[in-house]
Amino acid sequence: MSTAGTADIAAGPATRRLKWLTGESAIMLGGIVALSTGLVVFIVIPLYAMLSKSVEGPKGDFVGLTNFAQYFSSVGLVNSIWNSLAIAAATMAVATV
């Protein structure tokens, strides 16, 4: 009978689970944790702050989508959207020729 099997049982499940976390695996896990933390800190948190402010009025009260309705009903925005579509179409035409 081998003592390797009893050593694994005696070590407990936590030790067996972390056995693979050595060398390159630990470096890869650290990189994933660092990238995920950076994603949350530099993208998710600022995006949440911006979107939460977009549904507030000037006094900080909740106004819902009123700000968006007012913004999208402006004539300047409609003109800029048409200009952007025209530039995109011209660019696509030039790129395909």
PDB file of N, CA and C in Angstrom:
ATOM      1  N   MET A   1       0.846  -1.181   0.000  1.00  0.00           N
ATOM      2  CA  MET A   1       0.000   0.000   0.000  1.00  0.00           C
ATOM      3  C   MET A   1       0.888   1.240   0.000  1.00  0.00           C
ATOM      4  N   SER A   2       0.489   2.219  -0.765  1.00  0.00           N
ATOM      5  CA  SER A   2       1.283   3.442  -0.902  1.00  0.00           C
ATOM      6  C   SER A   2       0.872   4.464   0.148  1.00  0.00           C
ATOM      7  N   THR A   3       1.826   5.238   0.596  1.00  0.00           N
ATOM      8  CA  THR A   3       1.524   6.280   1.576  1.00  0.00           C
ATOM      9  C   THR A   3       1.173   7.600   0.907  1.00  0.00           C
ATOM     10  N   ALA A   4       1.292   7.691  -0.441  1.00  0.00           N
ATOM     11  CA  ALA A   4       0.966   8.930  -1.146  1.00  0.00           C
ATOM     12  C   ALA A   4      -0.519   9.228  -1.052  1.00  0.00           C
ATOM     13  N   GLY A   5      -1.344   8.195  -1.124  1.00  0.00           N
ATOM     14  CA  GLY A   5      -2.782   8.395  -1.037  1.00  0.00           C
ATOM     15  C   GLY A   5      -3.202   8.892   0.331  1.00  0.00           C
ATOM     16  N   THR A   6      -2.611   8.358   1.372  1.00  0.00           N
ATOM     17  CA  THR A   6      -2.957   8.801   2.715  1.00  0.00           C
ATOM     18  C   THR A   6      -2.396  10.188   2.995  1.00  0.00           C
ATOM     19  N   ALA A   7      -1.294  10.555   2.355  1.00  0.00           N
ATOM     20  CA  ALA A   7      -0.740  11.897   2.547  1.00  0.00           C
ATOM     21  C   ALA A   7      -1.680  12.939   1.963  1.00  0.00           C
ATOM     22  N   ASP A   8      -2.302  12.639   0.793  1.00  0.00           N
ATOM     23  CA  ASP A   8      -3.250  13.571   0.194  1.00  0.00           C
ATOM     24  C   ASP A   8      -4.498  13.720   1.059  1.00  0.00           C
ATOM     25  N   ILE A   9      -4.946  12.616   1.629  1.00  0.00           N
ATOM     26  CA  ILE A   9      -6.133  12.674   2.479  1.00  0.00           C
ATOM     27  C   ILE A   9      -5.827  13.443   3.756  1.00  0.00           C
ATOM     28  N   ALA A  10      -4.663  13.222   4.321  1.00  0.00           N
ATOM     29  CA  ALA A  10      -4.292  13.902   5.554  1.00  0.00           C
ATOM     30  C   ALA A  10      -4.041  15.383   5.336  1.00  0.00           C
ATOM     31  N   ALA A  11      -3.647  15.765   4.111  1.00  0.00           N
ATOM     32  CA  ALA A  11      -3.353  17.172   3.833  1.00  0.00           C
ATOM     33  C   ALA A  11      -4.611  18.024   3.832  1.00  0.00           C
ATOM     34  N   GLY A  12      -5.735  17.432   3.550  1.00  0.00           N
ATOM     35  CA  GLY A  12      -6.984  18.169   3.562  1.00  0.00           C
ATOM     36  C   GLY A  12      -7.326  18.740   2.193  1.00  0.00           C
ATOM     37  N   PRO A  13      -8.600  19.098   1.994  1.00  0.00           N
ATOM     38  CA  PRO A  13      -9.047  19.565   0.675  1.00  0.00           C
ATOM     39  C   PRO A  13      -8.451  20.916   0.285  1.00  0.00           C
ATOM     40  N   ALA A  14      -8.190  21.790   1.241  1.00  0.00           N
ATOM     41  CA  ALA A  14      -7.646  23.115   0.897  1.00  0.00           C
ATOM     42  C   ALA A  14      -6.261  22.995   0.304  1.00  0.00           C
ATOM     43  N   THR A  15      -5.445  22.123   0.844  1.00  0.00           N
ATOM     44  CA  THR A  15      -4.090  21.932   0.328  1.00  0.00           C
ATOM     45  C   THR A  15      -4.132  21.301  -1.051  1.00  0.00           C
ATOM     46  N   ARG A  16      -5.030  20.337  -1.242  1.00  0.00           N
ATOM     47  CA  ARG A  16      -5.141  19.687  -2.559  1.00  0.00           C
ATOM     48  C   ARG A  16      -5.626  20.668  -3.611  1.00  0.00           C
ATOM     49  N   ARG A  17      -6.520  21.583  -3.260  1.00  0.00           N
ATOM     50  CA  ARG A  17      -7.021  22.561  -4.230  1.00  0.00           C
ATOM     51  C   ARG A  17      -5.948  23.548  -4.639  1.00  0.00           C
ATOM     52  N   LEU A  18      -5.079  23.933  -3.730  1.00  0.00           N
ATOM     53  CA  LEU A  18      -4.051  24.927  -4.032  1.00  0.00           C
ATOM     54  C   LEU A  18      -2.764  24.304  -4.550  1.00  0.00           C
ATOM     55  N   LYS A  19      -2.734  22.991  -4.699  1.00  0.00           N
ATOM     56  CA  LYS A  19      -1.529  22.330  -5.161  1.00  0.00           C
ATOM     57  C   LYS A  19      -1.164  22.750  -6.585  1.00  0.00           C
ATOM     58  N   TRP A  20      -2.154  23.013  -7.412  1.00  0.00           N
ATOM     59  CA  TRP A  20      -1.903  23.401  -8.797  1.00  0.00           C
ATOM     60  C   TRP A  20      -1.429  24.854  -8.896  1.00  0.00           C
ATOM     61  N   LEU A  21      -1.595  25.625  -7.832  1.00  0.00           N
ATOM     62  CA  LEU A  21      -1.273  27.056  -7.848  1.00  0.00           C
ATOM     63  C   LEU A  21       0.207  27.275  -7.543  1.00  0.00           C
ATOM     64  N   THR A  22       1.036  26.852  -8.459  1.00  0.00           N
ATOM     65  CA  THR A  22       2.469  27.029  -8.289  1.00  0.00           C
ATOM     66  C   THR A  22       3.070  27.515  -9.602  1.00  0.00           C
ATOM     67  N   GLY A  23       4.120  28.262  -9.523  1.00  0.00           N
ATOM     68  CA  GLY A  23       4.874  28.681 -10.707  1.00  0.00           C
ATOM     69  C   GLY A  23       4.065  29.510 -11.675  1.00  0.00           C
ATOM     70  N   GLU A  24       3.961  28.989 -12.888  1.00  0.00           N
ATOM     71  CA  GLU A  24       3.308  29.719 -13.977  1.00  0.00           C
ATOM     72  C   GLU A  24       1.826  29.938 -13.717  1.00  0.00           C
ATOM     73  N   SER A  25       1.165  28.980 -13.082  1.00  0.00           N
ATOM     74  CA  SER A  25      -0.259  29.126 -12.773  1.00  0.00           C
ATOM     75  C   SER A  25      -0.497  30.287 -11.817  1.00  0.00           C
ATOM     76  N   ALA A  26       0.372  30.448 -10.848  1.00  0.00           N
ATOM     77  CA  ALA A  26       0.230  31.547  -9.898  1.00  0.00           C
ATOM     78  C   ALA A  26       0.443  32.888 -10.585  1.00  0.00           C
ATOM     79  N   ILE A  27       1.390  32.950 -11.504  1.00  0.00           N
ATOM     80  CA  ILE A  27       1.637  34.192 -12.239  1.00  0.00           C
ATOM     81  C   ILE A  27       0.436  34.532 -13.122  1.00  0.00           C
ATOM     82  N   MET A  28      -0.123  33.520 -13.799  1.00  0.00           N
ATOM     83  CA  MET A  28      -1.292  33.760 -14.649  1.00  0.00           C
ATOM     84  C   MET A  28      -2.490  34.211 -13.817  1.00  0.00           C
ATOM     85  N   LEU A  29      -2.706  33.587 -12.665  1.00  0.00           N
ATOM     86  CA  LEU A  29      -3.810  33.990 -11.797  1.00  0.00           C
ATOM     87  C   LEU A  29      -3.610  35.413 -11.293  1.00  0.00           C
ATOM     88  N   GLY A  30      -2.379  35.756 -10.933  1.00  0.00           N
ATOM     89  CA  GLY A  30      -2.099  37.124 -10.500  1.00  0.00           C
ATOM     90  C   GLY A  30      -2.354  38.132 -11.608  1.00  0.00           C
ATOM     91  N   GLY A  31      -2.002  37.771 -12.838  1.00  0.00           N
ATOM     92  CA  GLY A  31      -2.267  38.660 -13.969  1.00  0.00           C
ATOM     93  C   GLY A  31      -3.749  38.850 -14.222  1.00  0.00           C
ATOM     94  N   ILE A  32      -4.506  37.773 -14.119  1.00  0.00           N
ATOM     95  CA  ILE A  32      -5.955  37.867 -14.320  1.00  0.00           C
ATOM     96  C   ILE A  32      -6.590  38.726 -13.233  1.00  0.00           C
ATOM     97  N   VAL A  33      -6.159  38.542 -12.000  1.00  0.00           N
ATOM     98  CA  VAL A  33      -6.682  39.349 -10.891  1.00  0.00           C
ATOM     99  C   VAL A  33      -6.321  40.821 -11.090  1.00  0.00           C
ATOM    100  N   ALA A  34      -5.088  41.096 -11.515  1.00  0.00           N
ATOM    101  CA  ALA A  34      -4.658  42.484 -11.730  1.00  0.00           C
ATOM    102  C   ALA A  34      -5.441  43.129 -12.871  1.00  0.00           C
ATOM    103  N   LEU A  35      -5.634  42.410 -13.977  1.00  0.00           N
ATOM    104  CA  LEU A  35      -6.396  42.959 -15.097  1.00  0.00           C
ATOM    105  C   LEU A  35      -7.860  43.171 -14.735  1.00  0.00           C
ATOM    106  N   SER A  36      -8.427  42.238 -13.992  1.00  0.00           N
ATOM    107  CA  SER A  36      -9.822  42.384 -13.579  1.00  0.00           C
ATOM    108  C   SER A  36      -9.993  43.574 -12.642  1.00  0.00           C
ATOM    109  N   THR A  37      -9.061  43.759 -11.736  1.00  0.00           N
ATOM    110  CA  THR A  37      -9.109  44.901 -10.822  1.00  0.00           C
ATOM    111  C   THR A  37      -8.975  46.200 -11.602  1.00  0.00           C
ATOM    112  N   GLY A  38      -8.066  46.246 -12.559  1.00  0.00           N
ATOM    113  CA  GLY A  38      -7.910  47.436 -13.389  1.00  0.00           C
ATOM    114  C   GLY A  38      -9.157  47.736 -14.189  1.00  0.00           C
ATOM    115  N   LEU A  39      -9.803  46.698 -14.718  1.00  0.00           N
ATOM    116  CA  LEU A  39     -11.038  46.875 -15.468  1.00  0.00           C
ATOM    117  C   LEU A  39     -12.117  47.498 -14.598  1.00  0.00           C
ATOM    118  N   VAL A  40     -12.259  46.997 -13.397  1.00  0.00           N
ATOM    119  CA  VAL A  40     -13.281  47.529 -12.495  1.00  0.00           C
ATOM    120  C   VAL A  40     -12.952  48.958 -12.090  1.00  0.00           C
ATOM    121  N   VAL A  41     -11.696  49.221 -11.746  1.00  0.00           N
ATOM    122  CA  VAL A  41     -11.315  50.543 -11.244  1.00  0.00           C
ATOM    123  C   VAL A  41     -11.375  51.606 -12.335  1.00  0.00           C
ATOM    124  N   PHE A  42     -10.894  51.289 -13.531  1.00  0.00           N
ATOM    125  CA  PHE A  42     -10.759  52.311 -14.559  1.00  0.00           C
ATOM    126  C   PHE A  42     -11.905  52.368 -15.557  1.00  0.00           C
ATOM    127  N   ILE A  43     -12.787  51.359 -15.597  1.00  0.00           N
ATOM    128  CA  ILE A  43     -13.900  51.384 -16.549  1.00  0.00           C
ATOM    129  C   ILE A  43     -15.248  51.319 -15.847  1.00  0.00           C
ATOM    130  N   VAL A  44     -15.455  50.336 -15.000  1.00  0.00           N
ATOM    131  CA  VAL A  44     -16.778  50.115 -14.414  1.00  0.00           C
ATOM    132  C   VAL A  44     -17.159  51.228 -13.440  1.00  0.00           C
ATOM    133  N   ILE A  45     -16.266  51.592 -12.539  1.00  0.00           N
ATOM    134  CA  ILE A  45     -16.594  52.619 -11.544  1.00  0.00           C
ATOM    135  C   ILE A  45     -16.845  53.985 -12.191  1.00  0.00           C
ATOM    136  N   PRO A  46     -15.981  54.468 -13.110  1.00  0.00           N
ATOM    137  CA  PRO A  46     -16.290  55.752 -13.766  1.00  0.00           C
ATOM    138  C   PRO A  46     -17.563  55.701 -14.610  1.00  0.00           C
ATOM    139  N   LEU A  47     -17.812  54.567 -15.273  1.00  0.00           N
ATOM    140  CA  LEU A  47     -19.030  54.433 -16.063  1.00  0.00           C
ATOM    141  C   LEU A  47     -20.269  54.497 -15.175  1.00  0.00           C
ATOM    142  N   TYR A  48     -20.215  53.846 -14.031  1.00  0.00           N
ATOM    143  CA  TYR A  48     -21.333  53.910 -13.084  1.00  0.00           C
ATOM    144  C   TYR A  48     -21.541  55.342 -12.589  1.00  0.00           C
ATOM    145  N   ALA A  49     -20.456  56.028 -12.276  1.00  0.00           N
ATOM    146  CA  ALA A  49     -20.575  57.406 -11.789  1.00  0.00           C
ATOM    147  C   ALA A  49     -21.204  58.299 -12.854  1.00  0.00           C
ATOM    148  N   MET A  50     -20.794  58.128 -14.099  1.00  0.00           N
ATOM    149  CA  MET A  50     -21.325  58.952 -15.178  1.00  0.00           C
ATOM    150  C   MET A  50     -22.804  58.649 -15.425  1.00  0.00           C
ATOM    151  N   LEU A  51     -23.158  57.373 -15.455  1.00  0.00           N
ATOM    152  CA  LEU A  51     -24.552  57.016 -15.710  1.00  0.00           C
ATOM    153  C   LEU A  51     -25.462  57.401 -14.554  1.00  0.00           C
ATOM    154  N   SER A  52     -24.970  57.329 -13.333  1.00  0.00           N
ATOM    155  CA  SER A  52     -25.809  57.739 -12.204  1.00  0.00           C
ATOM    156  C   SER A  52     -26.051  59.247 -12.215  1.00  0.00           C
ATOM    157  N   LYS A  53     -25.053  60.019 -12.671  1.00  0.00           N
ATOM    158  CA  LYS A  53     -25.242  61.469 -12.770  1.00  0.00           C
ATOM    159  C   LYS A  53     -26.157  61.838 -13.939  1.00  0.00           C
ATOM    160  N   SER A  54     -26.238  60.987 -14.953  1.00  0.00           N
ATOM    161  CA  SER A  54     -27.038  61.317 -16.128  1.00  0.00           C
ATOM    162  C   SER A  54     -28.537  61.260 -15.858  1.00  0.00           C
ATOM    163  N   VAL A  55     -28.960  60.629 -14.780  1.00  0.00           N
ATOM    164  CA  VAL A  55     -30.378  60.563 -14.457  1.00  0.00           C
ATOM    165  C   VAL A  55     -30.739  61.491 -13.299  1.00  0.00           C
ATOM    166  N   GLU A  56     -29.855  62.429 -12.989  1.00  0.00           N
ATOM    167  CA  GLU A  56     -30.112  63.410 -11.940  1.00  0.00           C
ATOM    168  C   GLU A  56     -30.317  64.786 -12.551  1.00  0.00           C
ATOM    169  N   GLY A  57     -31.108  65.601 -11.868  1.00  0.00           N
ATOM    170  CA  GLY A  57     -31.307  66.983 -12.284  1.00  0.00           C
ATOM    171  C   GLY A  57     -30.199  67.868 -11.735  1.00  0.00           C
ATOM    172  N   PRO A  58     -30.285  69.177 -11.995  1.00  0.00           N
ATOM    173  CA  PRO A  58     -29.257  70.106 -11.523  1.00  0.00           C
ATOM    174  C   PRO A  58     -29.120  70.142  -9.998  1.00  0.00           C
ATOM    175  N   LYS A  59     -30.201  69.850  -9.278  1.00  0.00           N
ATOM    176  CA  LYS A  59     -30.165  69.881  -7.814  1.00  0.00           C
ATOM    177  C   LYS A  59     -29.852  68.509  -7.216  1.00  0.00           C
ATOM    178  N   GLY A  60     -29.585  67.514  -8.064  1.00  0.00           N
ATOM    179  CA  GLY A  60     -29.261  66.189  -7.574  1.00  0.00           C
ATOM    180  C   GLY A  60     -30.453  65.278  -7.395  1.00  0.00           C
ATOM    181  N   ASP A  61     -31.641  65.721  -7.776  1.00  0.00           N
ATOM    182  CA  ASP A  61     -32.826  64.882  -7.643  1.00  0.00           C
ATOM    183  C   ASP A  61     -32.953  63.968  -8.859  1.00  0.00           C
ATOM    184  N   PHE A  62     -33.623  62.835  -8.674  1.00  0.00           N
ATOM    185  CA  PHE A  62     -33.791  61.855  -9.743  1.00  0.00           C
ATOM    186  C   PHE A  62     -34.807  62.360 -10.752  1.00  0.00           C
ATOM    187  N   VAL A  63     -34.404  62.414 -12.031  1.00  0.00           N
ATOM    188  CA  VAL A  63     -35.322  62.863 -13.085  1.00  0.00           C
ATOM    189  C   VAL A  63     -35.542  61.800 -14.139  1.00  0.00           C
ATOM    190  N   GLY A  64     -34.920  60.658 -14.014  1.00  0.00           N
ATOM    191  CA  GLY A  64     -35.123  59.566 -14.965  1.00  0.00           C
ATOM    192  C   GLY A  64     -34.485  59.851 -16.305  1.00  0.00           C
ATOM    193  N   LEU A  65     -35.206  59.544 -17.357  1.00  0.00           N
ATOM    194  CA  LEU A  65     -34.671  59.692 -18.709  1.00  0.00           C
ATOM    195  C   LEU A  65     -34.991  61.049 -19.339  1.00  0.00           C
ATOM    196  N   THR A  66     -35.422  62.002 -18.547  1.00  0.00           N
ATOM    197  CA  THR A  66     -35.753  63.332 -19.060  1.00  0.00           C
ATOM    198  C   THR A  66     -34.543  63.999 -19.699  1.00  0.00           C
ATOM    199  N   ASN A  67     -33.386  63.859 -19.095  1.00  0.00           N
ATOM    200  CA  ASN A  67     -32.172  64.451 -19.669  1.00  0.00           C
ATOM    201  C   ASN A  67     -31.870  63.873 -21.039  1.00  0.00           C
ATOM    202  N   PHE A  68     -32.051  62.554 -21.204  1.00  0.00           N
ATOM    203  CA  PHE A  68     -31.793  61.918 -22.489  1.00  0.00           C
ATOM    204  C   PHE A  68     -32.803  62.378 -23.539  1.00  0.00           C
ATOM    205  N   ALA A  69     -34.075  62.478 -23.160  1.00  0.00           N
ATOM    206  CA  ALA A  69     -35.096  62.934 -24.111  1.00  0.00           C
ATOM    207  C   ALA A  69     -34.800  64.350 -24.577  1.00  0.00           C
ATOM    208  N   GLN A  70     -34.387  65.202 -23.669  1.00  0.00           N
ATOM    209  CA  GLN A  70     -34.055  66.582 -24.021  1.00  0.00           C
ATOM    210  C   GLN A  70     -32.834  66.625 -24.937  1.00  0.00           C
ATOM    211  N   TYR A  71     -31.834  65.810 -24.650  1.00  0.00           N
ATOM    212  CA  TYR A  71     -30.612  65.795 -25.447  1.00  0.00           C
ATOM    213  C   TYR A  71     -30.867  65.285 -26.864  1.00  0.00           C
ATOM    214  N   PHE A  72     -31.620  64.190 -26.988  1.00  0.00           N
ATOM    215  CA  PHE A  72     -31.858  63.607 -28.302  1.00  0.00           C
ATOM    216  C   PHE A  72     -32.868  64.393 -29.131  1.00  0.00           C
ATOM    217  N   SER A  73     -33.590  65.300 -28.518  1.00  0.00           N
ATOM    218  CA  SER A  73     -34.540  66.106 -29.296  1.00  0.00           C
ATOM    219  C   SER A  73     -33.910  67.395 -29.826  1.00  0.00           C
ATOM    220  N   SER A  74     -32.644  67.650 -29.517  1.00  0.00           N
ATOM    221  CA  SER A  74     -32.010  68.879 -29.997  1.00  0.00           C
ATOM    222  C   SER A  74     -31.665  68.763 -31.484  1.00  0.00           C
ATOM    223  N   VAL A  75     -31.787  69.869 -32.191  1.00  0.00           N
ATOM    224  CA  VAL A  75     -31.551  69.909 -33.634  1.00  0.00           C
ATOM    225  C   VAL A  75     -30.065  69.691 -33.937  1.00  0.00           C
ATOM    226  N   GLY A  76     -29.209  70.222 -33.107  1.00  0.00           N
ATOM    227  CA  GLY A  76     -27.771  70.074 -33.334  1.00  0.00           C
ATOM    228  C   GLY A  76     -27.323  68.623 -33.313  1.00  0.00           C
ATOM    229  N   LEU A  77     -27.916  67.822 -32.442  1.00  0.00           N
ATOM    230  CA  LEU A  77     -27.558  66.409 -32.376  1.00  0.00           C
ATOM    231  C   LEU A  77     -27.997  65.680 -33.639  1.00  0.00           C
ATOM    232  N   VAL A  78     -29.191  65.985 -34.113  1.00  0.00           N
ATOM    233  CA  VAL A  78     -29.682  65.348 -35.339  1.00  0.00           C
ATOM    234  C   VAL A  78     -28.761  65.687 -36.507  1.00  0.00           C
ATOM    235  N   ASN A  79     -28.346  66.944 -36.608  1.00  0.00           N
ATOM    236  CA  ASN A  79     -27.435  67.340 -37.688  1.00  0.00           C
ATOM    237  C   ASN A  79     -26.085  66.632 -37.560  1.00  0.00           C
ATOM    238  N   SER A  80     -25.569  66.518 -36.364  1.00  0.00           N
ATOM    239  CA  SER A  80     -24.275  65.863 -36.199  1.00  0.00           C
ATOM    240  C   SER A  80     -24.360  64.368 -36.504  1.00  0.00           C
ATOM    241  N   ILE A  81     -25.493  63.745 -36.212  1.00  0.00           N
ATOM    242  CA  ILE A  81     -25.664  62.330 -36.559  1.00  0.00           C
ATOM    243  C   ILE A  81     -25.678  62.158 -38.072  1.00  0.00           C
ATOM    244  N   TRP A  82     -26.407  63.028 -38.777  1.00  0.00           N
ATOM    245  CA  TRP A  82     -26.427  62.939 -40.238  1.00  0.00           C
ATOM    246  C   TRP A  82     -25.046  63.204 -40.831  1.00  0.00           C
ATOM    247  N   ASN A  83     -24.307  64.152 -40.270  1.00  0.00           N
ATOM    248  CA  ASN A  83     -22.946  64.412 -40.743  1.00  0.00           C
ATOM    249  C   ASN A  83     -22.052  63.191 -40.524  1.00  0.00           C
ATOM    250  N   SER A  84     -22.172  62.562 -39.386  1.00  0.00           N
ATOM    251  CA  SER A  84     -21.373  61.371 -39.096  1.00  0.00           C
ATOM    252  C   SER A  84     -21.707  60.228 -40.053  1.00  0.00           C
ATOM    253  N   LEU A  85     -22.990  60.050 -40.335  1.00  0.00           N
ATOM    254  CA  LEU A  85     -23.384  59.002 -41.288  1.00  0.00           C
ATOM    255  C   LEU A  85     -22.881  59.302 -42.695  1.00  0.00           C
ATOM    256  N   ALA A  86     -22.899  60.573 -43.077  1.00  0.00           N
ATOM    257  CA  ALA A  86     -22.395  60.949 -44.404  1.00  0.00           C
ATOM    258  C   ALA A  86     -20.894  60.692 -44.506  1.00  0.00           C
ATOM    259  N   ILE A  87     -20.148  61.041 -43.479  1.00  0.00           N
ATOM    260  CA  ILE A  87     -18.702  60.788 -43.473  1.00  0.00           C
ATOM    261  C   ILE A  87     -18.427  59.287 -43.492  1.00  0.00           C
ATOM    262  N   ALA A  88     -19.185  58.519 -42.739  1.00  0.00           N
ATOM    263  CA  ALA A  88     -19.001  57.064 -42.715  1.00  0.00           C
ATOM    264  C   ALA A  88     -19.287  56.459 -44.082  1.00  0.00           C
ATOM    265  N   ALA A  89     -20.350  56.930 -44.739  1.00  0.00           N
ATOM    266  CA  ALA A  89     -20.679  56.411 -46.083  1.00  0.00           C
ATOM    267  C   ALA A  89     -19.595  56.783 -47.090  1.00  0.00           C
ATOM    268  N   ALA A  90     -19.095  58.022 -47.029  1.00  0.00           N
ATOM    269  CA  ALA A  90     -18.045  58.442 -47.945  1.00  0.00           C
ATOM    270  C   ALA A  90     -16.761  57.638 -47.705  1.00  0.00           C
ATOM    271  N   THR A  91     -16.427  57.411 -46.453  1.00  0.00           N
ATOM    272  CA  THR A  91     -15.244  56.633 -46.118  1.00  0.00           C
ATOM    273  C   THR A  91     -15.371  55.202 -46.622  1.00  0.00           C
ATOM    274  N   MET A  92     -16.548  54.622 -46.452  1.00  0.00           N
ATOM    275  CA  MET A  92     -16.781  53.256 -46.925  1.00  0.00           C
ATOM    276  C   MET A  92     -16.669  53.186 -48.446  1.00  0.00           C
ATOM    277  N   ALA A  93     -17.211  54.189 -49.142  1.00  0.00           N
ATOM    278  CA  ALA A  93     -17.135  54.216 -50.604  1.00  0.00           C
ATOM    279  C   ALA A  93     -15.702  54.335 -51.083  1.00  0.00           C
ATOM    280  N   VAL A  94     -14.926  55.177 -50.446  1.00  0.00           N
ATOM    281  CA  VAL A  94     -13.522  55.363 -50.837  1.00  0.00           C
ATOM    282  C   VAL A  94     -12.717  54.109 -50.519  1.00  0.00           C
ATOM    283  N   ALA A  95     -12.989  53.469 -49.396  1.00  0.00           N
ATOM    284  CA  ALA A  95     -12.230  52.293 -48.985  1.00  0.00           C
ATOM    285  C   ALA A  95     -12.510  51.088 -49.874  1.00  0.00           C
ATOM    286  N   THR A  96     -13.703  50.981 -50.417  1.00  0.00           N
ATOM    287  CA  THR A  96     -14.046  49.833 -51.251  1.00  0.00           C
ATOM    288  C   THR A  96     -13.602  50.009 -52.697  1.00  0.00           C
ATOM    289  N   VAL A  97     -13.283  51.204 -53.101  1.00  0.00           N
ATOM    290  CA  VAL A  97     -12.866  51.447 -54.491  1.00  0.00           C
ATOM    291  C   VAL A  97     -11.390  51.231 -54.643  1.00  0.00           C
TER     292      VAL A  97
END
